[in-house]
């Protein structure tokens, strides 16, 4: 029997990077075994370095290979399973998809700091300051530009679901939690992401979790 890849993730309520890798694999139709390790729990310090050289999740074990970091995991799947179509075929459009994915990977620190991912909360208006507003405006611009220029073939940023959508899915959850509204294009895109059966399943699991990370709980 063929052994499935194993994806190690953190708490579904809080772990934005875990969601990126998990959603990308789900939407690509890749079969995998999921193992959740509660972030910062009693066993975290001992388990994290064994799971990943970086001591973080997500991490994918595939045969004798260990791939860590969400974007690297999805790039790996795109490379070894081109049938998953995780990047646009057109090289110019693919470059744009990679650009916005990398911008998400390395940017928007104000949004991440002041609006931590927390799927169980409803905190409209919380966490907003000038730096966060700048991040929100830029993300809205990305959604609008990608949908209008590259999204004609479907409901996602580049038409069909791609790694770019996986990278921005946690931001969509933040906008839901903190009541962030965009323009009509951005709001429709967010509804598309939140309406995915995979996302609804992730939300359901997050709500059933009992773990609490105080740093990510804004009252």
N, C-alpha and C. Protein backbone atom coordinates (compact mmCIF):
# COMPACT_ATOMS: atom_id res chain seq x y z
N UNK A 1 0.84 -1.18 0.00
CA UNK A 1 0.00 0.00 0.00
C UNK A 1 0.88 1.25 0.00
N UNK A 2 0.57 2.18 -0.88
CA UNK A 2 1.37 3.39 -0.97
C UNK A 2 1.16 4.26 0.27
N UNK A 3 2.26 4.75 0.83
CA UNK A 3 2.18 5.58 2.02
C UNK A 3 1.87 7.02 1.61
N UNK A 4 0.87 7.58 2.26
CA UNK A 4 0.48 8.94 1.95
C UNK A 4 1.47 9.94 2.54
N UNK A 5 1.64 11.09 1.91
CA UNK A 5 2.40 12.16 2.54
C UNK A 5 1.73 12.55 3.85
N UNK A 6 2.51 13.04 4.78
CA UNK A 6 1.99 13.47 6.08
C UNK A 6 2.21 14.97 6.21
N UNK A 7 1.13 15.70 6.49
CA UNK A 7 1.22 17.14 6.70
C UNK A 7 1.02 17.44 8.18
N UNK A 8 2.05 17.99 8.80
CA UNK A 8 1.95 18.44 10.19
C UNK A 8 1.47 19.88 10.21
N UNK A 9 0.44 20.13 10.99
CA UNK A 9 -0.13 21.47 11.09
C UNK A 9 -0.29 21.86 12.55
N UNK A 10 -0.54 23.15 12.78
CA UNK A 10 -0.86 23.65 14.11
C UNK A 10 -2.36 23.82 14.26
N UNK A 11 -2.75 24.45 15.37
CA UNK A 11 -4.16 24.66 15.68
C UNK A 11 -4.88 25.33 14.51
N UNK A 12 -6.03 24.79 14.14
CA UNK A 12 -6.76 25.35 13.01
C UNK A 12 -7.34 26.73 13.32
N UNK A 13 -7.58 27.02 14.57
CA UNK A 13 -8.10 28.33 14.91
C UNK A 13 -7.10 29.45 14.70
N UNK A 14 -5.81 29.14 14.84
CA UNK A 14 -4.79 30.19 14.86
C UNK A 14 -3.74 30.10 13.75
N UNK A 15 -3.48 28.92 13.23
CA UNK A 15 -2.28 28.72 12.42
C UNK A 15 -2.53 29.07 10.95
N UNK A 16 -2.23 30.31 10.60
CA UNK A 16 -2.44 30.78 9.23
C UNK A 16 -1.57 30.05 8.23
N UNK A 17 -0.33 29.76 8.60
CA UNK A 17 0.57 29.09 7.66
C UNK A 17 0.14 27.65 7.44
N UNK A 18 -0.38 27.01 8.49
CA UNK A 18 -0.90 25.65 8.32
C UNK A 18 -2.07 25.65 7.35
N UNK A 19 -2.96 26.65 7.47
CA UNK A 19 -4.11 26.73 6.57
C UNK A 19 -3.65 26.85 5.12
N UNK A 20 -2.62 27.63 4.87
CA UNK A 20 -2.15 27.81 3.49
C UNK A 20 -1.76 26.48 2.85
N UNK A 21 -0.93 25.72 3.54
CA UNK A 21 -0.49 24.44 2.99
C UNK A 21 -1.64 23.46 2.89
N UNK A 22 -2.43 23.37 3.93
CA UNK A 22 -3.54 22.41 3.99
C UNK A 22 -4.55 22.69 2.89
N UNK A 23 -4.95 23.95 2.74
CA UNK A 23 -5.95 24.29 1.74
C UNK A 23 -5.42 24.05 0.33
N UNK A 24 -4.16 24.40 0.10
CA UNK A 24 -3.57 24.16 -1.21
C UNK A 24 -3.59 22.69 -1.59
N UNK A 25 -3.23 21.83 -0.65
CA UNK A 25 -3.24 20.39 -0.92
C UNK A 25 -4.66 19.88 -1.15
N UNK A 26 -5.59 20.35 -0.33
CA UNK A 26 -6.98 19.92 -0.49
C UNK A 26 -7.53 20.33 -1.85
N UNK A 27 -7.31 21.58 -2.22
CA UNK A 27 -7.86 22.08 -3.48
C UNK A 27 -7.18 21.44 -4.69
N UNK A 28 -5.94 20.99 -4.50
CA UNK A 28 -5.22 20.32 -5.59
C UNK A 28 -5.61 18.85 -5.70
N UNK A 29 -6.40 18.35 -4.75
CA UNK A 29 -6.81 16.96 -4.80
C UNK A 29 -5.73 15.99 -4.38
N UNK A 30 -4.77 16.46 -3.60
CA UNK A 30 -3.67 15.62 -3.14
C UNK A 30 -4.09 14.89 -1.86
N UNK A 31 -4.01 13.58 -1.87
CA UNK A 31 -4.33 12.79 -0.68
C UNK A 31 -3.16 12.88 0.30
N UNK A 32 -3.47 13.12 1.57
CA UNK A 32 -2.42 13.21 2.58
C UNK A 32 -3.00 12.89 3.94
N UNK A 33 -2.11 12.51 4.85
CA UNK A 33 -2.49 12.30 6.24
C UNK A 33 -2.21 13.58 7.01
N UNK A 34 -3.15 13.98 7.81
CA UNK A 34 -3.04 15.22 8.59
C UNK A 34 -2.71 14.91 10.05
N UNK A 35 -1.70 15.58 10.58
CA UNK A 35 -1.35 15.43 11.99
C UNK A 35 -1.24 16.81 12.62
N UNK A 36 -2.06 17.04 13.62
CA UNK A 36 -2.09 18.34 14.28
C UNK A 36 -1.30 18.29 15.58
N UNK A 37 -0.40 19.25 15.73
CA UNK A 37 0.38 19.39 16.96
C UNK A 37 0.01 20.74 17.57
N UNK A 38 -0.63 20.76 18.75
CA UNK A 38 -1.06 22.03 19.33
C UNK A 38 0.12 22.99 19.53
N UNK A 39 -0.02 24.18 19.02
CA UNK A 39 1.04 25.18 19.13
C UNK A 39 1.30 25.53 20.59
N UNK A 40 2.56 25.51 20.96
CA UNK A 40 3.00 25.97 22.28
C UNK A 40 2.39 25.19 23.43
N UNK A 41 1.87 23.99 23.12
CA UNK A 41 1.35 23.13 24.18
C UNK A 41 2.49 22.45 24.93
N UNK A 42 2.15 21.56 25.87
CA UNK A 42 3.16 20.92 26.71
C UNK A 42 4.23 20.16 25.91
N UNK A 43 3.85 19.59 24.76
CA UNK A 43 4.80 18.80 23.97
C UNK A 43 5.43 19.58 22.82
N UNK A 44 5.06 20.85 22.67
CA UNK A 44 5.50 21.60 21.50
C UNK A 44 7.01 21.72 21.41
N UNK A 45 7.65 22.12 22.51
CA UNK A 45 9.09 22.35 22.49
C UNK A 45 9.86 21.09 22.11
N UNK A 46 9.36 19.94 22.52
CA UNK A 46 10.05 18.69 22.20
C UNK A 46 9.74 18.23 20.79
N UNK A 47 8.50 18.40 20.35
CA UNK A 47 8.08 17.86 19.06
C UNK A 47 8.48 18.74 17.89
N UNK A 48 8.44 20.06 18.06
CA UNK A 48 8.64 20.98 16.94
C UNK A 48 9.97 20.76 16.20
N UNK A 49 11.11 20.63 16.91
CA UNK A 49 12.36 20.41 16.18
C UNK A 49 12.43 19.06 15.46
N UNK A 50 11.65 18.09 15.92
CA UNK A 50 11.61 16.79 15.25
C UNK A 50 10.78 16.89 13.98
N UNK A 51 9.71 17.66 14.04
CA UNK A 51 8.82 17.82 12.88
C UNK A 51 9.50 18.61 11.78
N UNK A 52 10.23 19.66 12.16
CA UNK A 52 10.79 20.57 11.16
C UNK A 52 12.11 21.14 11.62
N UNK A 53 13.07 21.31 10.71
CA UNK A 53 14.34 21.96 11.08
C UNK A 53 14.15 23.37 11.61
N UNK A 54 13.08 24.03 11.15
CA UNK A 54 12.81 25.40 11.60
C UNK A 54 12.08 25.44 12.94
N UNK A 55 11.59 24.29 13.39
CA UNK A 55 10.82 24.24 14.62
C UNK A 55 9.44 24.85 14.46
N UNK A 56 8.92 24.86 13.23
CA UNK A 56 7.61 25.46 12.97
C UNK A 56 6.78 24.53 12.09
N UNK A 57 5.49 24.83 12.02
CA UNK A 57 4.59 24.12 11.11
C UNK A 57 4.06 25.14 10.10
N UNK A 58 3.64 24.66 8.93
CA UNK A 58 3.45 23.28 8.50
C UNK A 58 4.73 22.65 8.00
N UNK A 59 4.72 21.34 8.02
CA UNK A 59 5.81 20.54 7.44
C UNK A 59 5.19 19.35 6.73
N UNK A 60 5.72 19.03 5.56
CA UNK A 60 5.24 17.88 4.80
C UNK A 60 6.32 16.81 4.77
N UNK A 61 5.97 15.60 5.19
CA UNK A 61 6.83 14.43 5.04
C UNK A 61 6.32 13.64 3.85
N UNK A 62 7.15 13.47 2.85
CA UNK A 62 6.76 12.73 1.65
C UNK A 62 7.86 11.73 1.33
N UNK A 63 7.64 10.49 1.74
CA UNK A 63 8.69 9.48 1.59
C UNK A 63 9.86 9.85 2.47
N UNK A 64 11.04 9.95 1.86
CA UNK A 64 12.22 10.33 2.64
C UNK A 64 12.47 11.82 2.66
N UNK A 65 11.56 12.60 2.12
CA UNK A 65 11.74 14.05 2.01
C UNK A 65 10.96 14.78 3.09
N UNK A 66 11.56 15.84 3.61
CA UNK A 66 10.90 16.74 4.53
C UNK A 66 10.90 18.13 3.92
N UNK A 67 9.71 18.70 3.74
CA UNK A 67 9.58 20.04 3.17
C UNK A 67 8.84 20.90 4.18
N UNK A 68 9.45 22.01 4.54
CA UNK A 68 8.80 22.90 5.50
C UNK A 68 8.60 24.27 4.86
N UNK A 69 7.77 25.07 5.52
CA UNK A 69 7.29 26.36 5.02
C UNK A 69 6.17 26.13 3.99
N UNK A 70 5.05 26.82 4.20
CA UNK A 70 3.85 26.59 3.40
C UNK A 70 4.09 26.80 1.91
N UNK A 71 4.75 27.89 1.56
CA UNK A 71 4.96 28.17 0.14
C UNK A 71 5.86 27.13 -0.50
N UNK A 72 6.89 26.69 0.22
CA UNK A 72 7.78 25.65 -0.31
C UNK A 72 7.03 24.34 -0.51
N UNK A 73 6.13 24.02 0.42
CA UNK A 73 5.33 22.80 0.29
C UNK A 73 4.47 22.84 -0.97
N UNK A 74 3.82 23.97 -1.20
CA UNK A 74 2.95 24.09 -2.36
C UNK A 74 3.74 24.15 -3.66
N UNK A 75 4.90 24.79 -3.63
CA UNK A 75 5.78 24.79 -4.80
C UNK A 75 6.23 23.36 -5.12
N UNK A 76 6.53 22.60 -4.09
CA UNK A 76 6.96 21.21 -4.26
C UNK A 76 5.86 20.40 -4.94
N UNK A 77 4.62 20.55 -4.46
CA UNK A 77 3.50 19.82 -5.06
C UNK A 77 3.30 20.27 -6.51
N UNK A 78 3.40 21.57 -6.76
CA UNK A 78 3.24 22.08 -8.13
C UNK A 78 4.31 21.50 -9.06
N UNK A 79 5.52 21.32 -8.54
CA UNK A 79 6.61 20.79 -9.36
C UNK A 79 6.45 19.30 -9.63
N UNK A 80 6.14 18.53 -8.59
CA UNK A 80 6.09 17.07 -8.77
C UNK A 80 4.73 16.58 -9.23
N UNK A 81 3.70 17.43 -9.13
CA UNK A 81 2.36 17.07 -9.61
C UNK A 81 1.82 18.19 -10.48
N UNK A 82 2.38 18.40 -11.66
CA UNK A 82 1.92 19.50 -12.51
C UNK A 82 0.45 19.41 -12.88
N UNK A 83 -0.12 18.20 -12.79
CA UNK A 83 -1.54 18.03 -13.09
C UNK A 83 -2.43 18.77 -12.10
N UNK A 84 -1.88 19.15 -10.95
CA UNK A 84 -2.67 19.88 -9.96
C UNK A 84 -2.95 21.31 -10.39
N UNK A 85 -2.18 21.82 -11.35
CA UNK A 85 -2.40 23.16 -11.89
C UNK A 85 -2.39 24.22 -10.79
N UNK A 86 -1.46 24.12 -9.87
CA UNK A 86 -1.40 25.08 -8.77
C UNK A 86 -0.80 26.42 -9.18
N UNK A 87 -0.18 26.48 -10.34
CA UNK A 87 0.24 27.76 -10.91
C UNK A 87 -0.42 27.93 -12.28
N UNK A 88 -0.71 29.16 -12.70
CA UNK A 88 -1.21 29.37 -14.07
C UNK A 88 -0.22 28.86 -15.10
N UNK A 89 -0.73 28.36 -16.21
CA UNK A 89 0.14 27.82 -17.25
C UNK A 89 0.93 28.91 -17.97
N UNK A 90 0.29 30.03 -18.24
CA UNK A 90 0.96 31.13 -18.95
C UNK A 90 2.10 31.67 -18.10
N UNK A 91 3.29 31.76 -18.66
CA UNK A 91 4.47 32.12 -17.86
C UNK A 91 4.39 33.54 -17.32
N UNK A 92 3.80 34.45 -18.08
CA UNK A 92 3.67 35.82 -17.61
C UNK A 92 2.66 35.93 -16.47
N UNK A 93 1.55 35.23 -16.60
CA UNK A 93 0.55 35.24 -15.54
C UNK A 93 1.08 34.51 -14.31
N UNK A 94 1.84 33.43 -14.55
CA UNK A 94 2.44 32.69 -13.44
C UNK A 94 3.40 33.60 -12.66
N UNK A 95 4.14 34.44 -13.37
CA UNK A 95 5.05 35.37 -12.70
C UNK A 95 4.27 36.33 -11.80
N UNK A 96 3.12 36.79 -12.26
CA UNK A 96 2.28 37.65 -11.43
C UNK A 96 1.76 36.91 -10.21
N UNK A 97 1.32 35.66 -10.41
CA UNK A 97 0.82 34.85 -9.30
C UNK A 97 1.91 34.63 -8.26
N UNK A 98 3.12 34.36 -8.74
CA UNK A 98 4.24 34.18 -7.81
C UNK A 98 4.56 35.49 -7.09
N UNK A 99 4.46 36.59 -7.80
CA UNK A 99 4.78 37.89 -7.19
C UNK A 99 3.84 38.21 -6.03
N UNK A 100 2.53 38.05 -6.26
CA UNK A 100 1.60 38.37 -5.17
C UNK A 100 1.70 37.35 -4.05
N UNK A 101 2.05 36.10 -4.38
CA UNK A 101 2.24 35.09 -3.34
C UNK A 101 3.44 35.44 -2.46
N UNK A 102 4.53 35.84 -3.09
CA UNK A 102 5.72 36.22 -2.31
C UNK A 102 5.48 37.50 -1.52
N UNK A 103 4.68 38.42 -2.06
CA UNK A 103 4.36 39.63 -1.30
C UNK A 103 3.61 39.26 -0.03
N UNK A 104 2.72 38.30 -0.13
CA UNK A 104 2.02 37.83 1.06
C UNK A 104 2.97 37.12 2.02
N UNK A 105 3.87 36.33 1.46
CA UNK A 105 4.80 35.56 2.29
C UNK A 105 5.67 36.47 3.15
N UNK A 106 6.12 37.58 2.58
CA UNK A 106 7.08 38.41 3.31
C UNK A 106 6.55 39.74 3.81
N UNK A 107 5.26 40.03 3.57
CA UNK A 107 4.76 41.36 3.88
C UNK A 107 3.58 41.38 4.84
N UNK A 108 2.97 42.55 4.92
CA UNK A 108 1.76 42.78 5.70
C UNK A 108 1.94 42.48 7.18
N UNK A 109 3.09 42.90 7.71
CA UNK A 109 3.40 42.61 9.12
C UNK A 109 2.45 43.32 10.08
N UNK A 110 2.00 44.53 9.73
CA UNK A 110 1.09 45.25 10.62
C UNK A 110 -0.23 44.50 10.75
N UNK A 111 -0.77 44.04 9.64
CA UNK A 111 -2.02 43.27 9.66
C UNK A 111 -1.85 42.01 10.48
N UNK A 112 -0.77 41.31 10.28
CA UNK A 112 -0.54 40.07 11.01
C UNK A 112 -0.43 40.31 12.51
N UNK A 113 0.23 41.41 12.87
CA UNK A 113 0.44 41.71 14.29
C UNK A 113 -0.83 42.14 14.99
N UNK A 114 -1.58 43.02 14.38
CA UNK A 114 -2.72 43.64 15.04
C UNK A 114 -4.04 42.93 14.77
N UNK A 115 -4.05 42.04 13.79
CA UNK A 115 -5.25 41.25 13.51
C UNK A 115 -4.86 39.77 13.43
N UNK A 116 -4.47 39.17 14.56
CA UNK A 116 -4.06 37.77 14.53
C UNK A 116 -5.21 36.87 14.08
N UNK A 117 -4.86 35.80 13.38
CA UNK A 117 -5.88 34.87 12.92
C UNK A 117 -6.56 34.21 14.11
N UNK A 118 -7.88 34.30 14.13
CA UNK A 118 -8.67 33.70 15.20
C UNK A 118 -10.07 33.47 14.65
N UNK A 119 -10.34 32.24 14.22
CA UNK A 119 -11.59 31.95 13.53
C UNK A 119 -12.79 31.93 14.46
N UNK A 120 -12.57 31.79 15.75
CA UNK A 120 -13.68 31.71 16.70
C UNK A 120 -14.19 33.07 17.15
N UNK A 121 -13.48 34.14 16.78
CA UNK A 121 -13.83 35.47 17.26
C UNK A 121 -14.59 36.28 16.21
N UNK A 122 -15.33 37.27 16.69
CA UNK A 122 -15.99 38.25 15.84
C UNK A 122 -15.70 39.62 16.46
N UNK A 123 -14.72 40.35 15.87
CA UNK A 123 -14.20 41.56 16.49
C UNK A 123 -14.18 42.71 15.48
N UNK A 124 -15.33 43.11 14.97
CA UNK A 124 -15.33 44.18 13.97
C UNK A 124 -14.71 45.46 14.50
N UNK A 125 -13.81 46.03 13.68
CA UNK A 125 -13.18 47.30 14.03
C UNK A 125 -11.94 47.20 14.88
N UNK A 126 -11.66 46.03 15.44
CA UNK A 126 -10.48 45.88 16.30
C UNK A 126 -9.22 45.79 15.45
N UNK A 127 -8.11 46.27 16.01
CA UNK A 127 -6.80 46.11 15.41
C UNK A 127 -6.47 47.09 14.31
N UNK A 128 -7.30 48.07 14.06
CA UNK A 128 -7.08 48.96 12.92
C UNK A 128 -6.27 50.18 13.34
N UNK A 129 -5.22 50.45 12.59
CA UNK A 129 -4.43 51.66 12.73
C UNK A 129 -3.92 52.03 11.33
N UNK A 130 -3.12 53.07 11.25
CA UNK A 130 -2.69 53.56 9.93
C UNK A 130 -1.93 52.50 9.15
N UNK A 131 -1.05 51.77 9.82
CA UNK A 131 -0.25 50.75 9.13
C UNK A 131 -1.13 49.59 8.67
N UNK A 132 -2.08 49.21 9.49
CA UNK A 132 -3.00 48.14 9.12
C UNK A 132 -3.88 48.57 7.94
N UNK A 133 -4.34 49.81 7.98
CA UNK A 133 -5.16 50.32 6.87
C UNK A 133 -4.39 50.29 5.56
N UNK A 134 -3.10 50.59 5.63
CA UNK A 134 -2.27 50.53 4.42
C UNK A 134 -2.19 49.11 3.90
N UNK A 135 -2.02 48.14 4.80
CA UNK A 135 -1.99 46.73 4.38
C UNK A 135 -3.32 46.32 3.77
N UNK A 136 -4.43 46.72 4.40
CA UNK A 136 -5.75 46.37 3.89
C UNK A 136 -5.95 46.94 2.48
N UNK A 137 -5.54 48.19 2.30
CA UNK A 137 -5.70 48.83 0.99
C UNK A 137 -4.90 48.10 -0.08
N UNK A 138 -3.68 47.71 0.26
CA UNK A 138 -2.85 47.00 -0.71
C UNK A 138 -3.44 45.63 -1.05
N UNK A 139 -3.93 44.91 -0.06
CA UNK A 139 -4.53 43.61 -0.32
C UNK A 139 -5.78 43.77 -1.19
N UNK A 140 -6.58 44.79 -0.90
CA UNK A 140 -7.75 45.06 -1.73
C UNK A 140 -7.36 45.35 -3.17
N UNK A 141 -6.25 46.07 -3.34
CA UNK A 141 -5.75 46.35 -4.69
C UNK A 141 -5.33 45.07 -5.40
N UNK A 142 -4.66 44.17 -4.68
CA UNK A 142 -4.24 42.89 -5.26
C UNK A 142 -5.47 42.08 -5.70
N UNK A 143 -6.45 41.98 -4.83
CA UNK A 143 -7.66 41.23 -5.18
C UNK A 143 -8.31 41.82 -6.43
N UNK A 144 -8.45 43.13 -6.44
CA UNK A 144 -9.13 43.80 -7.56
C UNK A 144 -8.35 43.63 -8.86
N UNK A 145 -7.04 43.86 -8.81
CA UNK A 145 -6.21 43.76 -10.01
C UNK A 145 -6.20 42.34 -10.57
N UNK A 146 -5.98 41.36 -9.70
CA UNK A 146 -5.89 39.97 -10.15
C UNK A 146 -7.23 39.49 -10.71
N UNK A 147 -8.31 39.81 -10.02
CA UNK A 147 -9.62 39.36 -10.50
C UNK A 147 -9.96 39.99 -11.84
N UNK A 148 -9.69 41.27 -12.00
CA UNK A 148 -10.08 41.97 -13.23
C UNK A 148 -9.17 41.64 -14.41
N UNK A 149 -7.88 41.46 -14.14
CA UNK A 149 -6.94 41.26 -15.24
C UNK A 149 -6.68 39.80 -15.56
N UNK A 150 -6.80 38.91 -14.55
CA UNK A 150 -6.40 37.52 -14.76
C UNK A 150 -7.46 36.50 -14.35
N UNK A 151 -8.58 36.94 -13.81
CA UNK A 151 -9.51 36.01 -13.20
C UNK A 151 -10.71 35.63 -14.03
N UNK A 152 -10.66 35.88 -15.34
CA UNK A 152 -11.85 35.66 -16.15
C UNK A 152 -12.25 34.19 -16.25
N UNK A 153 -11.33 33.27 -16.02
CA UNK A 153 -11.64 31.86 -16.20
C UNK A 153 -12.28 31.19 -15.01
N UNK A 154 -12.58 31.95 -13.96
CA UNK A 154 -13.18 31.34 -12.76
C UNK A 154 -13.38 32.39 -11.70
N UNK A 155 -13.52 31.93 -10.46
CA UNK A 155 -13.86 32.84 -9.36
C UNK A 155 -12.66 33.18 -8.47
N UNK A 156 -11.47 32.70 -8.85
CA UNK A 156 -10.30 32.91 -8.00
C UNK A 156 -9.41 34.02 -8.56
N UNK A 157 -8.32 34.30 -7.88
CA UNK A 157 -7.48 35.43 -8.28
C UNK A 157 -7.00 35.31 -9.71
N UNK A 158 -6.66 34.09 -10.14
CA UNK A 158 -6.18 33.86 -11.49
C UNK A 158 -7.10 32.90 -12.25
N UNK A 159 -8.38 33.02 -11.98
CA UNK A 159 -9.37 32.17 -12.62
C UNK A 159 -9.55 30.88 -11.85
N UNK A 160 -8.70 29.91 -12.11
CA UNK A 160 -8.71 28.66 -11.36
C UNK A 160 -7.95 28.83 -10.04
N UNK A 161 -8.26 27.98 -9.08
CA UNK A 161 -7.57 28.04 -7.80
C UNK A 161 -6.06 27.85 -8.01
N UNK A 162 -5.27 28.67 -7.33
CA UNK A 162 -3.82 28.58 -7.43
C UNK A 162 -3.19 28.77 -6.06
N UNK A 163 -1.89 28.65 -6.01
CA UNK A 163 -1.16 28.88 -4.77
C UNK A 163 -1.44 30.28 -4.23
N UNK A 164 -1.64 31.24 -5.11
CA UNK A 164 -1.93 32.60 -4.66
C UNK A 164 -3.17 32.63 -3.78
N UNK A 165 -4.19 31.88 -4.14
CA UNK A 165 -5.41 31.83 -3.32
C UNK A 165 -5.15 31.20 -1.96
N UNK A 166 -4.34 30.15 -1.95
CA UNK A 166 -3.98 29.53 -0.67
C UNK A 166 -3.22 30.51 0.21
N UNK A 167 -2.37 31.32 -0.38
CA UNK A 167 -1.58 32.27 0.39
C UNK A 167 -2.44 33.37 1.01
N UNK A 168 -3.50 33.76 0.34
CA UNK A 168 -4.34 34.85 0.84
C UNK A 168 -5.55 34.37 1.64
N UNK A 169 -5.81 33.07 1.68
CA UNK A 169 -6.97 32.56 2.41
C UNK A 169 -6.97 32.97 3.89
N UNK A 170 -5.82 32.90 4.61
CA UNK A 170 -5.86 33.33 6.00
C UNK A 170 -6.18 34.81 6.17
N UNK A 171 -5.80 35.63 5.20
CA UNK A 171 -6.14 37.05 5.25
C UNK A 171 -7.66 37.22 5.15
N UNK A 172 -8.28 36.41 4.29
CA UNK A 172 -9.73 36.46 4.18
C UNK A 172 -10.38 36.13 5.52
N UNK A 173 -9.83 35.15 6.25
CA UNK A 173 -10.39 34.84 7.58
C UNK A 173 -10.20 36.00 8.54
N UNK A 174 -9.08 36.69 8.45
CA UNK A 174 -8.87 37.86 9.29
C UNK A 174 -9.89 38.95 8.97
N UNK A 175 -10.11 39.19 7.70
CA UNK A 175 -11.08 40.21 7.32
C UNK A 175 -12.47 39.85 7.83
N UNK A 176 -12.80 38.57 7.82
CA UNK A 176 -14.09 38.13 8.37
C UNK A 176 -14.14 38.38 9.88
N UNK A 177 -13.09 37.99 10.58
CA UNK A 177 -13.05 38.14 12.04
C UNK A 177 -13.16 39.60 12.46
N UNK A 178 -12.44 40.48 11.75
CA UNK A 178 -12.35 41.88 12.16
C UNK A 178 -13.27 42.80 11.36
N UNK A 179 -14.18 42.21 10.60
CA UNK A 179 -15.21 42.98 9.92
C UNK A 179 -14.69 43.92 8.85
N UNK A 180 -13.66 43.51 8.12
CA UNK A 180 -13.09 44.35 7.07
C UNK A 180 -13.88 44.17 5.79
N UNK A 181 -14.37 45.27 5.25
CA UNK A 181 -15.08 45.27 3.98
C UNK A 181 -14.19 45.86 2.90
N UNK A 182 -14.22 45.27 1.72
CA UNK A 182 -13.49 45.78 0.57
C UNK A 182 -14.49 46.31 -0.46
N UNK A 183 -14.05 46.48 -1.69
CA UNK A 183 -14.99 46.85 -2.75
C UNK A 183 -15.77 45.62 -3.20
N UNK A 184 -16.65 45.80 -4.19
CA UNK A 184 -17.51 44.69 -4.62
C UNK A 184 -16.70 43.51 -5.12
N UNK A 185 -15.60 43.79 -5.84
CA UNK A 185 -14.76 42.72 -6.38
C UNK A 185 -14.11 41.94 -5.24
N UNK A 186 -13.52 42.66 -4.29
CA UNK A 186 -12.86 42.02 -3.16
C UNK A 186 -13.82 41.25 -2.29
N UNK A 187 -14.99 41.82 -2.02
CA UNK A 187 -15.97 41.13 -1.18
C UNK A 187 -16.46 39.84 -1.85
N UNK A 188 -16.67 39.88 -3.16
CA UNK A 188 -17.12 38.68 -3.87
C UNK A 188 -16.04 37.60 -3.82
N UNK A 189 -14.79 38.01 -3.97
CA UNK A 189 -13.70 37.05 -3.89
C UNK A 189 -13.64 36.41 -2.50
N UNK A 190 -13.79 37.23 -1.48
CA UNK A 190 -13.74 36.69 -0.11
C UNK A 190 -14.88 35.70 0.11
N UNK A 191 -16.05 35.97 -0.42
CA UNK A 191 -17.17 35.03 -0.30
C UNK A 191 -16.85 33.71 -0.99
N UNK A 192 -16.14 33.79 -2.12
CA UNK A 192 -15.73 32.57 -2.82
C UNK A 192 -14.84 31.71 -1.93
N UNK A 193 -13.83 32.33 -1.32
CA UNK A 193 -12.90 31.58 -0.46
C UNK A 193 -13.62 31.01 0.76
N UNK A 194 -14.41 31.82 1.42
CA UNK A 194 -15.10 31.36 2.63
C UNK A 194 -16.15 30.29 2.33
N UNK A 195 -16.66 30.28 1.09
CA UNK A 195 -17.67 29.30 0.72
C UNK A 195 -17.14 27.95 0.29
N UNK A 196 -15.83 27.84 0.16
CA UNK A 196 -15.25 26.55 -0.23
C UNK A 196 -15.57 25.49 0.82
N UNK A 197 -16.00 24.31 0.41
CA UNK A 197 -16.24 23.24 1.39
C UNK A 197 -15.02 22.96 2.27
N UNK A 198 -13.84 23.02 1.68
CA UNK A 198 -12.63 22.79 2.48
C UNK A 198 -12.49 23.85 3.56
N UNK A 199 -12.76 25.11 3.23
CA UNK A 199 -12.67 26.17 4.23
C UNK A 199 -13.73 26.00 5.31
N UNK A 200 -14.93 25.61 4.90
CA UNK A 200 -15.98 25.40 5.89
C UNK A 200 -15.63 24.26 6.84
N UNK A 201 -14.98 23.23 6.29
CA UNK A 201 -14.53 22.14 7.14
C UNK A 201 -13.45 22.57 8.12
N UNK A 202 -12.52 23.41 7.64
CA UNK A 202 -11.46 23.93 8.52
C UNK A 202 -12.08 24.77 9.64
N UNK A 203 -13.04 25.63 9.31
CA UNK A 203 -13.72 26.44 10.31
C UNK A 203 -14.41 25.56 11.35
N UNK A 204 -15.10 24.52 10.89
CA UNK A 204 -15.81 23.64 11.82
C UNK A 204 -14.84 22.98 12.79
N UNK A 205 -13.70 22.53 12.29
CA UNK A 205 -12.69 21.91 13.16
C UNK A 205 -12.13 22.93 14.14
N UNK A 206 -11.89 24.16 13.65
CA UNK A 206 -11.34 25.21 14.52
C UNK A 206 -12.28 25.51 15.69
N UNK A 207 -13.57 25.54 15.40
CA UNK A 207 -14.54 25.86 16.46
C UNK A 207 -14.63 24.76 17.50
N UNK A 208 -14.28 23.53 17.11
CA UNK A 208 -14.32 22.41 18.05
C UNK A 208 -13.06 22.29 18.90
N UNK A 209 -12.01 23.04 18.54
CA UNK A 209 -10.76 22.95 19.30
C UNK A 209 -10.93 23.56 20.70
N UNK A 210 -10.20 23.01 21.65
CA UNK A 210 -10.28 23.50 23.03
C UNK A 210 -9.08 24.35 23.42
N UNK A 211 -8.01 24.31 22.60
CA UNK A 211 -6.79 25.02 22.97
C UNK A 211 -6.99 26.53 22.82
N UNK A 212 -6.34 27.27 23.70
CA UNK A 212 -6.38 28.72 23.66
C UNK A 212 -4.96 29.27 23.71
N UNK A 213 -4.63 30.16 22.77
CA UNK A 213 -3.34 30.86 22.77
C UNK A 213 -3.63 32.31 23.15
N UNK A 214 -3.22 32.70 24.33
CA UNK A 214 -3.59 34.01 24.87
C UNK A 214 -3.16 35.16 23.97
N UNK A 215 -1.99 35.04 23.36
CA UNK A 215 -1.46 36.13 22.54
C UNK A 215 -2.33 36.41 21.32
N UNK A 216 -3.11 35.44 20.90
CA UNK A 216 -3.96 35.60 19.72
C UNK A 216 -5.42 35.86 20.09
N UNK A 217 -5.67 36.11 21.37
CA UNK A 217 -7.02 36.36 21.83
C UNK A 217 -7.18 37.83 22.17
N UNK A 218 -7.76 38.60 21.25
CA UNK A 218 -8.08 39.99 21.52
C UNK A 218 -9.50 40.08 22.06
N UNK A 219 -9.65 40.68 23.23
CA UNK A 219 -10.99 40.78 23.85
C UNK A 219 -11.68 42.07 23.42
